[in-house]
Amino acid sequence: MEILSFNCLPSTQKYLVEQLETGQLQVPVAVIAMEQSSGIGSRDNEWSGGKGNFFASIAMSIHELPDDLPLSSSSIYFSFIMKKTLEALGEKVWLKWPNDFYLNEGKVGGTITKKIDNMLVCGIGINLKKSQNGYTSLQSAISPEDLLHKYIESLSEFPKWKQVFSEYQIEFELSKRFSVHIENERKSLADAALCDDGSLIIGGKKVYSLR
């Protein structure tokens, strides 16, 4: 996979999307920035910060992904593989449904997934060393570049959705102490039921995780 590295970008995801849409870049490709000034967070919030933290986006063809992966749960898939990558490096992170990285009770990062034609672009921001955006950090010795290489290595194995989901299903219990924003409303996950395709049943309604 081609990796493009920058000292600073407004947003790795916006840059990658623009380059793919204009045909300047082809999948599979990754972009990493040492600093990000206008990153995209959940609900159109910004995810920005300085050196030492992780700001990267990866794009690949949908046809490269496991044939059992529900595209609506691609955020869970990409996020959980990053969680496993960090875990292998000794970091005790867990994944709050569907795409937020937590250390104990504090958010340290998140994933935003966007579909363009037959491609998926996954943007990931993680506070590795410094607290940013009002969130905590891992205080990790991992360099952003090393983490990206290890993540791509893990991702390139393309584990089946069934395998990822079987592990995430157990971890989902941790999410039940929290709430999520659904259609601009905060909903408790206490009584949410996780479906096999990664969606939730909350208050009798089915909610999908793609963002």
N, C-alpha and C. Protein backbone atom coordinates (compact mmCIF):
# COMPACT_ATOMS: atom_id res chain seq x y z
N MET A 1 0.85 -1.20 0.00
CA MET A 1 0.00 0.00 0.00
C MET A 1 0.88 1.25 0.00
N GLU A 2 0.57 2.19 -0.88
CA GLU A 2 1.30 3.45 -0.92
C GLU A 2 0.95 4.29 0.32
N ILE A 3 1.97 4.89 0.95
CA ILE A 3 1.75 5.75 2.11
C ILE A 3 2.31 7.14 1.82
N LEU A 4 1.47 8.15 1.94
CA LEU A 4 1.89 9.54 1.76
C LEU A 4 1.96 10.20 3.13
N SER A 5 3.08 10.84 3.44
CA SER A 5 3.29 11.45 4.74
C SER A 5 3.43 12.96 4.61
N PHE A 6 2.77 13.70 5.51
CA PHE A 6 2.80 15.16 5.50
C PHE A 6 3.11 15.68 6.90
N ASN A 7 3.76 16.83 6.96
CA ASN A 7 3.98 17.48 8.25
C ASN A 7 2.66 17.97 8.84
N CYS A 8 1.83 18.56 7.98
CA CYS A 8 0.55 19.09 8.45
C CYS A 8 -0.48 19.08 7.33
N LEU A 9 -1.70 18.67 7.65
CA LEU A 9 -2.83 18.75 6.73
C LEU A 9 -4.04 19.27 7.50
N PRO A 10 -4.96 19.96 6.83
CA PRO A 10 -6.21 20.30 7.52
C PRO A 10 -6.93 19.03 7.98
N SER A 11 -7.01 18.03 7.08
CA SER A 11 -7.68 16.77 7.39
C SER A 11 -7.15 15.68 6.46
N THR A 12 -6.65 14.59 7.01
CA THR A 12 -6.17 13.50 6.15
C THR A 12 -7.31 12.91 5.35
N GLN A 13 -8.50 12.84 5.95
CA GLN A 13 -9.63 12.24 5.23
C GLN A 13 -10.09 13.13 4.08
N LYS A 14 -10.22 14.43 4.35
CA LYS A 14 -10.64 15.35 3.27
C LYS A 14 -9.63 15.32 2.13
N TYR A 15 -8.34 15.34 2.46
CA TYR A 15 -7.30 15.31 1.43
C TYR A 15 -7.42 14.03 0.60
N LEU A 16 -7.55 12.89 1.27
CA LEU A 16 -7.60 11.62 0.55
C LEU A 16 -8.85 11.52 -0.32
N VAL A 17 -9.98 11.95 0.20
CA VAL A 17 -11.23 11.93 -0.57
C VAL A 17 -11.09 12.78 -1.84
N GLU A 18 -10.56 14.00 -1.69
CA GLU A 18 -10.39 14.89 -2.85
C GLU A 18 -9.47 14.28 -3.90
N GLN A 19 -8.37 13.69 -3.45
CA GLN A 19 -7.40 13.10 -4.38
C GLN A 19 -7.99 11.88 -5.09
N LEU A 20 -8.80 11.12 -4.41
CA LEU A 20 -9.45 9.96 -5.03
C LEU A 20 -10.52 10.40 -6.02
N GLU A 21 -11.28 11.41 -5.65
CA GLU A 21 -12.37 11.87 -6.51
C GLU A 21 -11.86 12.51 -7.79
N THR A 22 -10.68 13.11 -7.75
CA THR A 22 -10.10 13.74 -8.94
C THR A 22 -9.16 12.80 -9.70
N GLY A 23 -9.01 11.57 -9.18
CA GLY A 23 -8.17 10.59 -9.86
C GLY A 23 -6.68 10.78 -9.66
N GLN A 24 -6.30 11.65 -8.71
CA GLN A 24 -4.88 11.88 -8.45
C GLN A 24 -4.24 10.72 -7.70
N LEU A 25 -5.05 10.00 -6.92
CA LEU A 25 -4.56 8.83 -6.20
C LEU A 25 -5.45 7.63 -6.50
N GLN A 26 -4.87 6.45 -6.35
CA GLN A 26 -5.60 5.21 -6.58
C GLN A 26 -5.51 4.35 -5.32
N VAL A 27 -6.54 3.54 -5.09
CA VAL A 27 -6.52 2.61 -3.95
C VAL A 27 -5.67 1.38 -4.30
N PRO A 28 -5.07 0.75 -3.29
CA PRO A 28 -5.07 1.10 -1.87
C PRO A 28 -4.02 2.16 -1.56
N VAL A 29 -4.35 3.07 -0.67
CA VAL A 29 -3.44 4.16 -0.34
C VAL A 29 -3.73 4.67 1.08
N ALA A 30 -2.70 5.18 1.74
CA ALA A 30 -2.86 5.74 3.08
C ALA A 30 -2.20 7.10 3.14
N VAL A 31 -2.75 7.97 3.99
CA VAL A 31 -2.20 9.31 4.21
C VAL A 31 -2.04 9.51 5.71
N ILE A 32 -0.88 10.01 6.12
CA ILE A 32 -0.65 10.31 7.53
C ILE A 32 -0.10 11.72 7.66
N ALA A 33 -0.51 12.43 8.69
CA ALA A 33 -0.02 13.79 8.95
C ALA A 33 0.48 13.87 10.39
N MET A 34 1.58 14.58 10.57
CA MET A 34 2.12 14.74 11.92
C MET A 34 1.26 15.71 12.74
N GLU A 35 0.62 16.63 12.04
CA GLU A 35 -0.33 17.54 12.68
C GLU A 35 -1.56 17.68 11.80
N GLN A 36 -2.71 17.94 12.42
CA GLN A 36 -3.96 18.08 11.69
C GLN A 36 -4.71 19.29 12.25
N SER A 37 -5.11 20.21 11.38
CA SER A 37 -5.69 21.46 11.86
C SER A 37 -7.21 21.53 11.80
N SER A 38 -7.84 20.72 10.94
CA SER A 38 -9.31 20.77 10.81
C SER A 38 -9.86 19.37 10.55
N GLY A 39 -9.45 18.43 11.38
CA GLY A 39 -9.87 17.04 11.18
C GLY A 39 -11.36 16.86 11.40
N ILE A 40 -11.88 15.76 10.87
CA ILE A 40 -13.32 15.47 10.97
C ILE A 40 -13.56 14.52 12.14
N GLY A 41 -14.42 14.96 13.06
CA GLY A 41 -14.82 14.09 14.16
C GLY A 41 -16.28 13.71 14.03
N SER A 42 -16.79 13.02 15.02
CA SER A 42 -18.19 12.62 15.02
C SER A 42 -19.11 13.84 15.01
N ARG A 43 -20.26 13.69 14.34
CA ARG A 43 -21.29 14.74 14.28
C ARG A 43 -20.72 16.07 13.81
N ASP A 44 -19.78 16.00 12.84
CA ASP A 44 -19.18 17.20 12.23
C ASP A 44 -18.33 18.01 13.20
N ASN A 45 -17.97 17.43 14.35
CA ASN A 45 -17.02 18.08 15.23
C ASN A 45 -15.62 17.96 14.61
N GLU A 46 -14.70 18.78 15.10
CA GLU A 46 -13.32 18.69 14.60
C GLU A 46 -12.50 17.76 15.46
N TRP A 47 -11.55 17.07 14.81
CA TRP A 47 -10.58 16.26 15.54
C TRP A 47 -9.20 16.71 15.07
N SER A 48 -8.60 17.60 15.82
CA SER A 48 -7.33 18.19 15.42
C SER A 48 -6.32 18.06 16.55
N GLY A 49 -5.06 18.37 16.25
CA GLY A 49 -4.07 18.31 17.30
C GLY A 49 -2.65 18.32 16.77
N GLY A 50 -1.71 18.27 17.72
CA GLY A 50 -0.31 18.45 17.39
C GLY A 50 0.49 17.17 17.28
N LYS A 51 1.79 17.35 17.15
CA LYS A 51 2.70 16.25 16.90
C LYS A 51 2.67 15.21 18.02
N GLY A 52 2.86 13.96 17.60
CA GLY A 52 2.87 12.86 18.56
C GLY A 52 1.57 12.08 18.57
N ASN A 53 0.49 12.72 18.11
CA ASN A 53 -0.79 12.03 18.02
C ASN A 53 -0.97 11.44 16.62
N PHE A 54 -1.97 10.59 16.48
CA PHE A 54 -2.16 9.82 15.25
C PHE A 54 -3.28 10.41 14.41
N PHE A 55 -2.94 10.81 13.19
CA PHE A 55 -3.93 11.35 12.24
C PHE A 55 -3.67 10.67 10.90
N ALA A 56 -4.53 9.74 10.51
CA ALA A 56 -4.30 9.01 9.27
C ALA A 56 -5.62 8.60 8.63
N SER A 57 -5.56 8.38 7.33
CA SER A 57 -6.71 7.87 6.59
C SER A 57 -6.23 6.82 5.60
N ILE A 58 -7.04 5.81 5.44
CA ILE A 58 -6.71 4.69 4.55
C ILE A 58 -7.88 4.49 3.60
N ALA A 59 -7.56 4.25 2.33
CA ALA A 59 -8.60 3.99 1.33
C ALA A 59 -8.32 2.66 0.64
N MET A 60 -9.38 1.91 0.44
CA MET A 60 -9.22 0.65 -0.29
C MET A 60 -10.50 0.31 -1.03
N SER A 61 -10.37 -0.57 -1.99
CA SER A 61 -11.52 -1.01 -2.76
C SER A 61 -12.41 -1.89 -1.89
N ILE A 62 -13.71 -1.73 -2.07
CA ILE A 62 -14.66 -2.58 -1.35
C ILE A 62 -14.42 -4.04 -1.70
N HIS A 63 -13.96 -4.29 -2.92
CA HIS A 63 -13.76 -5.68 -3.37
C HIS A 63 -12.60 -6.36 -2.64
N GLU A 64 -11.73 -5.57 -1.97
CA GLU A 64 -10.64 -6.17 -1.19
C GLU A 64 -11.11 -6.66 0.16
N LEU A 65 -12.24 -6.14 0.62
CA LEU A 65 -12.73 -6.45 1.97
C LEU A 65 -13.41 -7.81 2.00
N PRO A 66 -13.52 -8.41 3.19
CA PRO A 66 -14.15 -9.73 3.31
C PRO A 66 -15.57 -9.72 2.74
N ASP A 67 -15.94 -10.80 2.08
CA ASP A 67 -17.25 -10.83 1.43
C ASP A 67 -18.40 -10.92 2.42
N ASP A 68 -18.10 -11.21 3.70
CA ASP A 68 -19.18 -11.28 4.69
C ASP A 68 -19.31 -9.98 5.49
N LEU A 69 -18.54 -8.93 5.12
CA LEU A 69 -18.58 -7.67 5.87
C LEU A 69 -19.79 -6.84 5.47
N PRO A 70 -20.71 -6.52 6.41
CA PRO A 70 -21.80 -5.59 6.11
C PRO A 70 -21.19 -4.19 6.01
N LEU A 71 -21.32 -3.54 4.86
CA LEU A 71 -20.68 -2.22 4.69
C LEU A 71 -21.17 -1.22 5.72
N SER A 72 -22.39 -1.40 6.21
CA SER A 72 -22.92 -0.48 7.22
C SER A 72 -22.16 -0.59 8.54
N SER A 73 -21.38 -1.66 8.70
CA SER A 73 -20.59 -1.83 9.92
C SER A 73 -19.09 -1.75 9.66
N SER A 74 -18.72 -1.11 8.57
CA SER A 74 -17.30 -0.99 8.26
C SER A 74 -16.55 -0.18 9.32
N SER A 75 -17.24 0.78 9.97
CA SER A 75 -16.59 1.55 11.04
C SER A 75 -16.17 0.64 12.19
N ILE A 76 -17.05 -0.30 12.54
CA ILE A 76 -16.72 -1.25 13.60
C ILE A 76 -15.54 -2.11 13.16
N TYR A 77 -15.57 -2.57 11.93
CA TYR A 77 -14.53 -3.45 11.41
C TYR A 77 -13.16 -2.77 11.45
N PHE A 78 -13.04 -1.59 10.84
CA PHE A 78 -11.77 -0.87 10.81
C PHE A 78 -11.32 -0.49 12.23
N SER A 79 -12.26 -0.08 13.06
CA SER A 79 -11.93 0.36 14.42
C SER A 79 -11.46 -0.80 15.27
N PHE A 80 -12.13 -1.94 15.16
CA PHE A 80 -11.76 -3.07 16.02
C PHE A 80 -10.39 -3.61 15.66
N ILE A 81 -10.04 -3.58 14.38
CA ILE A 81 -8.70 -4.02 13.97
C ILE A 81 -7.65 -3.07 14.53
N MET A 82 -7.94 -1.76 14.57
CA MET A 82 -7.02 -0.82 15.20
C MET A 82 -6.94 -1.09 16.70
N LYS A 83 -8.06 -1.37 17.32
CA LYS A 83 -8.06 -1.69 18.75
C LYS A 83 -7.17 -2.88 19.02
N LYS A 84 -7.27 -3.92 18.19
CA LYS A 84 -6.45 -5.12 18.36
C LYS A 84 -4.97 -4.81 18.13
N THR A 85 -4.68 -3.91 17.18
CA THR A 85 -3.30 -3.50 16.91
C THR A 85 -2.71 -2.80 18.12
N LEU A 86 -3.47 -1.88 18.71
CA LEU A 86 -3.01 -1.17 19.91
C LEU A 86 -2.86 -2.13 21.10
N GLU A 87 -3.78 -3.06 21.20
CA GLU A 87 -3.74 -4.04 22.28
C GLU A 87 -2.46 -4.89 22.21
N ALA A 88 -2.09 -5.26 20.98
CA ALA A 88 -0.87 -6.05 20.79
C ALA A 88 0.38 -5.26 21.17
N LEU A 89 0.26 -3.93 21.18
CA LEU A 89 1.37 -3.06 21.57
C LEU A 89 1.32 -2.72 23.06
N GLY A 90 0.41 -3.34 23.78
CA GLY A 90 0.34 -3.15 25.22
C GLY A 90 -0.62 -2.08 25.69
N GLU A 91 -1.40 -1.50 24.77
CA GLU A 91 -2.35 -0.45 25.15
C GLU A 91 -3.71 -1.06 25.52
N LYS A 92 -4.26 -0.66 26.65
CA LYS A 92 -5.50 -1.25 27.15
C LYS A 92 -6.71 -0.44 26.68
N VAL A 93 -6.90 -0.37 25.38
CA VAL A 93 -8.03 0.36 24.82
C VAL A 93 -9.20 -0.58 24.57
N TRP A 94 -10.39 0.00 24.51
CA TRP A 94 -11.56 -0.79 24.11
C TRP A 94 -12.40 0.07 23.17
N LEU A 95 -13.29 -0.59 22.43
CA LEU A 95 -14.07 0.10 21.39
C LEU A 95 -15.51 0.29 21.82
N LYS A 96 -15.90 1.56 21.99
CA LYS A 96 -17.30 1.89 22.28
C LYS A 96 -18.06 1.94 20.96
N TRP A 97 -19.24 1.33 20.93
CA TRP A 97 -20.03 1.27 19.70
C TRP A 97 -20.30 2.67 19.18
N PRO A 98 -20.09 2.91 17.86
CA PRO A 98 -19.51 1.96 16.92
C PRO A 98 -18.06 2.24 16.58
N ASN A 99 -17.53 3.39 16.99
CA ASN A 99 -16.25 3.81 16.40
C ASN A 99 -15.39 4.69 17.30
N ASP A 100 -15.57 4.60 18.62
CA ASP A 100 -14.79 5.44 19.54
C ASP A 100 -13.83 4.58 20.35
N PHE A 101 -12.57 5.02 20.43
CA PHE A 101 -11.57 4.33 21.24
C PHE A 101 -11.57 4.92 22.65
N TYR A 102 -11.61 4.04 23.63
CA TYR A 102 -11.63 4.47 25.03
C TYR A 102 -10.49 3.82 25.82
N LEU A 103 -9.98 4.58 26.78
CA LEU A 103 -9.07 4.07 27.81
C LEU A 103 -9.81 4.23 29.12
N ASN A 104 -10.21 3.12 29.72
CA ASN A 104 -11.08 3.16 30.90
C ASN A 104 -12.35 3.94 30.56
N GLU A 105 -12.57 5.08 31.23
CA GLU A 105 -13.80 5.85 31.00
C GLU A 105 -13.59 7.03 30.05
N GLY A 106 -12.35 7.19 29.53
CA GLY A 106 -12.04 8.37 28.73
C GLY A 106 -11.83 8.08 27.25
N LYS A 107 -12.43 8.89 26.42
CA LYS A 107 -12.26 8.75 24.97
C LYS A 107 -10.87 9.21 24.56
N VAL A 108 -10.21 8.41 23.73
CA VAL A 108 -8.88 8.78 23.23
C VAL A 108 -8.84 8.91 21.71
N GLY A 109 -9.93 8.55 21.03
CA GLY A 109 -9.90 8.66 19.57
C GLY A 109 -11.17 8.13 18.93
N GLY A 110 -11.16 8.13 17.61
CA GLY A 110 -12.33 7.65 16.89
C GLY A 110 -12.05 7.42 15.42
N THR A 111 -13.03 6.84 14.76
CA THR A 111 -12.93 6.47 13.34
C THR A 111 -14.12 7.05 12.58
N ILE A 112 -13.86 7.57 11.40
CA ILE A 112 -14.92 8.03 10.51
C ILE A 112 -14.76 7.30 9.17
N THR A 113 -15.81 6.63 8.71
CA THR A 113 -15.74 5.87 7.46
C THR A 113 -16.66 6.47 6.42
N LYS A 114 -16.14 6.62 5.21
CA LYS A 114 -16.91 7.24 4.12
C LYS A 114 -16.81 6.37 2.87
N LYS A 115 -17.93 6.13 2.21
CA LYS A 115 -17.95 5.34 0.97
C LYS A 115 -17.95 6.27 -0.23
N ILE A 116 -17.03 6.02 -1.16
CA ILE A 116 -16.98 6.77 -2.42
C ILE A 116 -16.97 5.76 -3.56
N ASP A 117 -18.03 5.72 -4.33
CA ASP A 117 -18.15 4.74 -5.41
C ASP A 117 -17.91 3.34 -4.85
N ASN A 118 -16.87 2.66 -5.34
CA ASN A 118 -16.58 1.31 -4.84
C ASN A 118 -15.39 1.31 -3.90
N MET A 119 -15.17 2.46 -3.23
CA MET A 119 -14.05 2.58 -2.29
C MET A 119 -14.56 2.95 -0.90
N LEU A 120 -13.80 2.56 0.11
CA LEU A 120 -14.06 2.99 1.48
C LEU A 120 -12.86 3.79 1.97
N VAL A 121 -13.13 4.94 2.56
CA VAL A 121 -12.08 5.77 3.15
C VAL A 121 -12.30 5.79 4.65
N CYS A 122 -11.29 5.35 5.38
CA CYS A 122 -11.38 5.28 6.83
C CYS A 122 -10.40 6.27 7.45
N GLY A 123 -10.91 7.28 8.15
CA GLY A 123 -10.07 8.25 8.85
C GLY A 123 -10.01 7.91 10.33
N ILE A 124 -8.80 7.91 10.89
CA ILE A 124 -8.63 7.55 12.30
C ILE A 124 -7.82 8.62 13.02
N GLY A 125 -8.32 9.09 14.14
CA GLY A 125 -7.59 10.02 14.99
C GLY A 125 -7.47 9.44 16.40
N ILE A 126 -6.25 9.40 16.93
CA ILE A 126 -6.03 8.85 18.27
C ILE A 126 -5.05 9.74 19.02
N ASN A 127 -5.41 10.10 20.24
CA ASN A 127 -4.49 10.86 21.10
C ASN A 127 -3.48 9.89 21.71
N LEU A 128 -2.35 9.74 21.04
CA LEU A 128 -1.33 8.81 21.51
C LEU A 128 -0.55 9.38 22.68
N LYS A 129 -0.20 10.67 22.57
CA LYS A 129 0.71 11.26 23.56
C LYS A 129 0.12 12.47 24.28
N LYS A 130 -0.66 13.27 23.57
CA LYS A 130 -1.16 14.53 24.15
C LYS A 130 -2.68 14.54 24.17
N SER A 131 -3.25 15.05 25.26
CA SER A 131 -4.69 15.23 25.33
C SER A 131 -5.09 16.37 24.40
N GLN A 132 -6.06 16.12 23.54
CA GLN A 132 -6.55 17.13 22.59
C GLN A 132 -8.07 17.07 22.56
N ASN A 133 -8.68 18.10 22.09
CA ASN A 133 -10.11 18.15 21.84
C ASN A 133 -10.96 17.89 23.10
N GLY A 134 -10.37 18.13 24.27
CA GLY A 134 -11.10 17.88 25.50
C GLY A 134 -11.10 16.43 25.93
N TYR A 135 -10.34 15.58 25.23
CA TYR A 135 -10.30 14.16 25.56
C TYR A 135 -8.96 13.78 26.18
N THR A 136 -8.88 12.55 26.64
CA THR A 136 -7.66 12.07 27.28
C THR A 136 -6.70 11.50 26.23
N SER A 137 -5.55 10.98 26.67
CA SER A 137 -4.60 10.37 25.74
C SER A 137 -4.04 9.09 26.33
N LEU A 138 -3.41 8.29 25.48
CA LEU A 138 -2.84 7.02 25.92
C LEU A 138 -1.52 7.20 26.65
N GLN A 139 -0.85 8.35 26.46
CA GLN A 139 0.49 8.56 27.01
C GLN A 139 1.43 7.45 26.51
N SER A 140 1.31 7.15 25.21
CA SER A 140 2.01 6.00 24.63
C SER A 140 3.36 6.38 24.03
N ALA A 141 4.25 5.39 24.00
CA ALA A 141 5.56 5.59 23.38
C ALA A 141 5.53 5.24 21.89
N ILE A 142 4.40 4.82 21.39
CA ILE A 142 4.28 4.41 19.99
C ILE A 142 4.38 5.64 19.09
N SER A 143 5.15 5.55 18.02
CA SER A 143 5.18 6.65 17.05
C SER A 143 4.01 6.48 16.08
N PRO A 144 3.44 7.59 15.60
CA PRO A 144 2.34 7.48 14.65
C PRO A 144 2.70 6.66 13.40
N GLU A 145 3.93 6.84 12.90
CA GLU A 145 4.35 6.12 11.69
C GLU A 145 4.38 4.61 11.94
N ASP A 146 4.95 4.21 13.08
CA ASP A 146 5.02 2.78 13.40
C ASP A 146 3.62 2.19 13.58
N LEU A 147 2.73 2.96 14.22
CA LEU A 147 1.37 2.48 14.41
C LEU A 147 0.67 2.27 13.08
N LEU A 148 0.85 3.21 12.15
CA LEU A 148 0.22 3.07 10.83
C LEU A 148 0.71 1.81 10.12
N HIS A 149 2.01 1.57 10.14
CA HIS A 149 2.57 0.38 9.48
C HIS A 149 2.01 -0.90 10.11
N LYS A 150 1.93 -0.92 11.43
CA LYS A 150 1.42 -2.11 12.11
C LYS A 150 -0.08 -2.30 11.84
N TYR A 151 -0.80 -1.17 11.75
CA TYR A 151 -2.23 -1.25 11.46
C TYR A 151 -2.47 -1.79 10.04
N ILE A 152 -1.72 -1.27 9.09
CA ILE A 152 -1.86 -1.75 7.71
C ILE A 152 -1.53 -3.24 7.62
N GLU A 153 -0.52 -3.65 8.37
CA GLU A 153 -0.14 -5.07 8.40
C GLU A 153 -1.30 -5.92 8.94
N SER A 154 -1.93 -5.44 10.02
CA SER A 154 -3.07 -6.17 10.60
C SER A 154 -4.26 -6.17 9.65
N LEU A 155 -4.50 -5.02 9.03
CA LEU A 155 -5.64 -4.87 8.13
C LEU A 155 -5.48 -5.74 6.89
N SER A 156 -4.25 -5.89 6.42
CA SER A 156 -4.00 -6.64 5.18
C SER A 156 -4.29 -8.13 5.31
N GLU A 157 -4.47 -8.59 6.56
CA GLU A 157 -4.86 -9.98 6.76
C GLU A 157 -6.36 -10.17 6.49
N PHE A 158 -7.10 -9.07 6.46
CA PHE A 158 -8.54 -9.06 6.16
C PHE A 158 -9.29 -10.17 6.89
N PRO A 159 -9.29 -10.13 8.23
CA PRO A 159 -10.07 -11.13 8.97
C PRO A 159 -11.54 -11.04 8.59
N LYS A 160 -12.22 -12.16 8.63
CA LYS A 160 -13.64 -12.18 8.30
C LYS A 160 -14.44 -11.37 9.32
N TRP A 161 -15.56 -10.79 8.86
CA TRP A 161 -16.45 -10.06 9.76
C TRP A 161 -16.90 -10.97 10.91
N LYS A 162 -17.19 -12.22 10.62
CA LYS A 162 -17.65 -13.15 11.64
C LYS A 162 -16.63 -13.27 12.78
N GLN A 163 -15.35 -13.28 12.41
CA GLN A 163 -14.28 -13.39 13.40
C GLN A 163 -14.19 -12.11 14.25
N VAL A 164 -14.22 -10.95 13.57
CA VAL A 164 -14.16 -9.66 14.27
C VAL A 164 -15.38 -9.50 15.18
N PHE A 165 -16.55 -9.81 14.65
CA PHE A 165 -17.79 -9.62 15.40
C PHE A 165 -17.86 -10.51 16.64
N SER A 166 -17.36 -11.74 16.53
CA SER A 166 -17.42 -12.66 17.67
C SER A 166 -16.65 -12.11 18.86
N GLU A 167 -15.54 -11.40 18.60
CA GLU A 167 -14.76 -10.77 19.68
C GLU A 167 -15.42 -9.48 20.14
N TYR A 168 -15.90 -8.69 19.17
CA TYR A 168 -16.50 -7.40 19.55
C TYR A 168 -17.79 -7.59 20.34
N GLN A 169 -18.51 -8.66 20.04
CA GLN A 169 -19.77 -8.93 20.72
C GLN A 169 -19.59 -9.00 22.23
N ILE A 170 -18.47 -9.57 22.68
CA ILE A 170 -18.16 -9.66 24.10
C ILE A 170 -17.84 -8.27 24.66
N GLU A 171 -17.02 -7.52 23.91
CA GLU A 171 -16.59 -6.19 24.36
C GLU A 171 -17.74 -5.19 24.38
N PHE A 172 -18.77 -5.43 23.59
CA PHE A 172 -19.90 -4.50 23.51
C PHE A 172 -20.53 -4.24 24.86
N GLU A 173 -20.44 -5.19 25.78
CA GLU A 173 -21.02 -5.01 27.11
C GLU A 173 -20.48 -3.76 27.80
N LEU A 174 -19.22 -3.39 27.50
CA LEU A 174 -18.63 -2.18 28.08
C LEU A 174 -19.35 -0.92 27.60
N SER A 175 -19.88 -0.96 26.39
CA SER A 175 -20.57 0.20 25.82
C SER A 175 -21.88 0.50 26.54
N LYS A 176 -22.43 -0.49 27.20
CA LYS A 176 -23.76 -0.32 27.80
C LYS A 176 -23.78 0.68 28.95
N ARG A 177 -22.60 1.07 29.44
CA ARG A 177 -22.53 2.09 30.49
C ARG A 177 -22.63 3.50 29.91
N PHE A 178 -22.66 3.59 28.57
CA PHE A 178 -22.58 4.89 27.90
C PHE A 178 -23.81 5.16 27.05
N SER A 179 -23.79 6.29 26.39
CA SER A 179 -24.86 6.64 25.46
C SER A 179 -24.25 7.06 24.13
N VAL A 180 -25.09 7.14 23.10
CA VAL A 180 -24.63 7.58 21.78
C VAL A 180 -25.62 8.60 21.22
N HIS A 181 -25.15 9.39 20.26
CA HIS A 181 -26.03 10.32 19.56
C HIS A 181 -26.61 9.63 18.34
N ILE A 182 -27.92 9.57 18.27
CA ILE A 182 -28.62 8.98 17.13
C ILE A 182 -29.64 10.00 16.65
N GLU A 183 -29.45 10.45 15.40
CA GLU A 183 -30.33 11.50 14.84
C GLU A 183 -30.43 12.68 15.80
N ASN A 184 -29.26 13.12 16.28
CA ASN A 184 -29.12 14.29 17.16
C ASN A 184 -29.78 14.11 18.52
N GLU A 185 -30.12 12.88 18.88
CA GLU A 185 -30.65 12.61 20.21
C GLU A 185 -29.69 11.70 20.94
N ARG A 186 -29.48 11.97 22.24
CA ARG A 186 -28.62 11.10 23.05
C ARG A 186 -29.45 9.91 23.55
N LYS A 187 -28.97 8.70 23.21
CA LYS A 187 -29.68 7.48 23.60
C LYS A 187 -28.77 6.61 24.46
N SER A 188 -29.31 6.11 25.55
CA SER A 188 -28.56 5.20 26.41
C SER A 188 -28.41 3.85 25.71
N LEU A 189 -27.24 3.24 25.91
CA LEU A 189 -26.99 1.91 25.34
C LEU A 189 -27.29 0.80 26.35
N ALA A 190 -27.81 1.17 27.51
CA ALA A 190 -28.02 0.20 28.60
C ALA A 190 -28.86 -1.00 28.15
N ASP A 191 -29.91 -0.74 27.39
CA ASP A 191 -30.81 -1.82 26.97
C ASP A 191 -30.69 -2.14 25.48
N ALA A 192 -29.63 -1.65 24.84
CA ALA A 192 -29.45 -1.89 23.40
C ALA A 192 -29.07 -3.34 23.14
N ALA A 193 -29.58 -3.88 22.05
CA ALA A 193 -29.24 -5.24 21.64
C ALA A 193 -28.40 -5.18 20.37
N LEU A 194 -27.25 -5.83 20.38
CA LEU A 194 -26.34 -5.84 19.24
C LEU A 194 -26.72 -6.96 18.28
N CYS A 195 -26.94 -6.60 17.01
CA CYS A 195 -27.31 -7.58 15.99
C CYS A 195 -26.07 -8.12 15.28
N ASP A 196 -26.23 -9.24 14.58
CA ASP A 196 -25.10 -9.91 13.91
C ASP A 196 -24.45 -9.04 12.85
N ASP A 197 -25.19 -8.08 12.29
CA ASP A 197 -24.62 -7.21 11.26
C ASP A 197 -24.00 -5.95 11.85
N GLY A 198 -23.89 -5.88 13.19
CA GLY A 198 -23.27 -4.73 13.84
C GLY A 198 -24.22 -3.60 14.16
N SER A 199 -25.46 -3.71 13.72
CA SER A 199 -26.45 -2.68 14.04
C SER A 199 -26.98 -2.91 15.45
N LEU A 200 -27.75 -1.94 15.95
CA LEU A 200 -28.35 -2.05 17.28
C LEU A 200 -29.86 -1.97 17.18
N ILE A 201 -30.51 -2.62 18.14
CA ILE A 201 -31.94 -2.40 18.34
C ILE A 201 -32.06 -1.55 19.60
N ILE A 202 -32.53 -0.32 19.44
CA ILE A 202 -32.73 0.59 20.57
C ILE A 202 -34.17 1.09 20.53
N GLY A 203 -34.91 0.83 21.60
CA GLY A 203 -36.30 1.28 21.65
C GLY A 203 -37.14 0.76 20.51
N GLY A 204 -36.85 -0.47 20.09
CA GLY A 204 -37.62 -1.09 19.00
C GLY A 204 -37.19 -0.66 17.61
N LYS A 205 -36.19 0.22 17.49
CA LYS A 205 -35.72 0.67 16.19
C LYS A 205 -34.33 0.13 15.89
N LYS A 206 -34.09 -0.19 14.62
CA LYS A 206 -32.78 -0.67 14.21
C LYS A 206 -31.92 0.51 13.79
N VAL A 207 -30.71 0.58 14.36
CA VAL A 207 -29.80 1.70 14.12
C VAL A 207 -28.50 1.14 13.57
N TYR A 208 -28.05 1.74 12.44
CA TYR A 208 -26.81 1.27 11.81
C TYR A 208 -25.64 2.15 12.21
N SER A 209 -24.42 1.58 12.03
CA SER A 209 -23.23 2.23 12.58
C SER A 209 -22.43 3.05 11.58
N LEU A 210 -22.79 3.01 10.30
CA LEU A 210 -21.97 3.71 9.30
C LEU A 210 -22.02 5.21 9.55
N ARG A 211 -20.81 5.84 9.65
CA ARG A 211 -20.73 7.29 9.78
C ARG A 211 -19.50 7.78 9.04
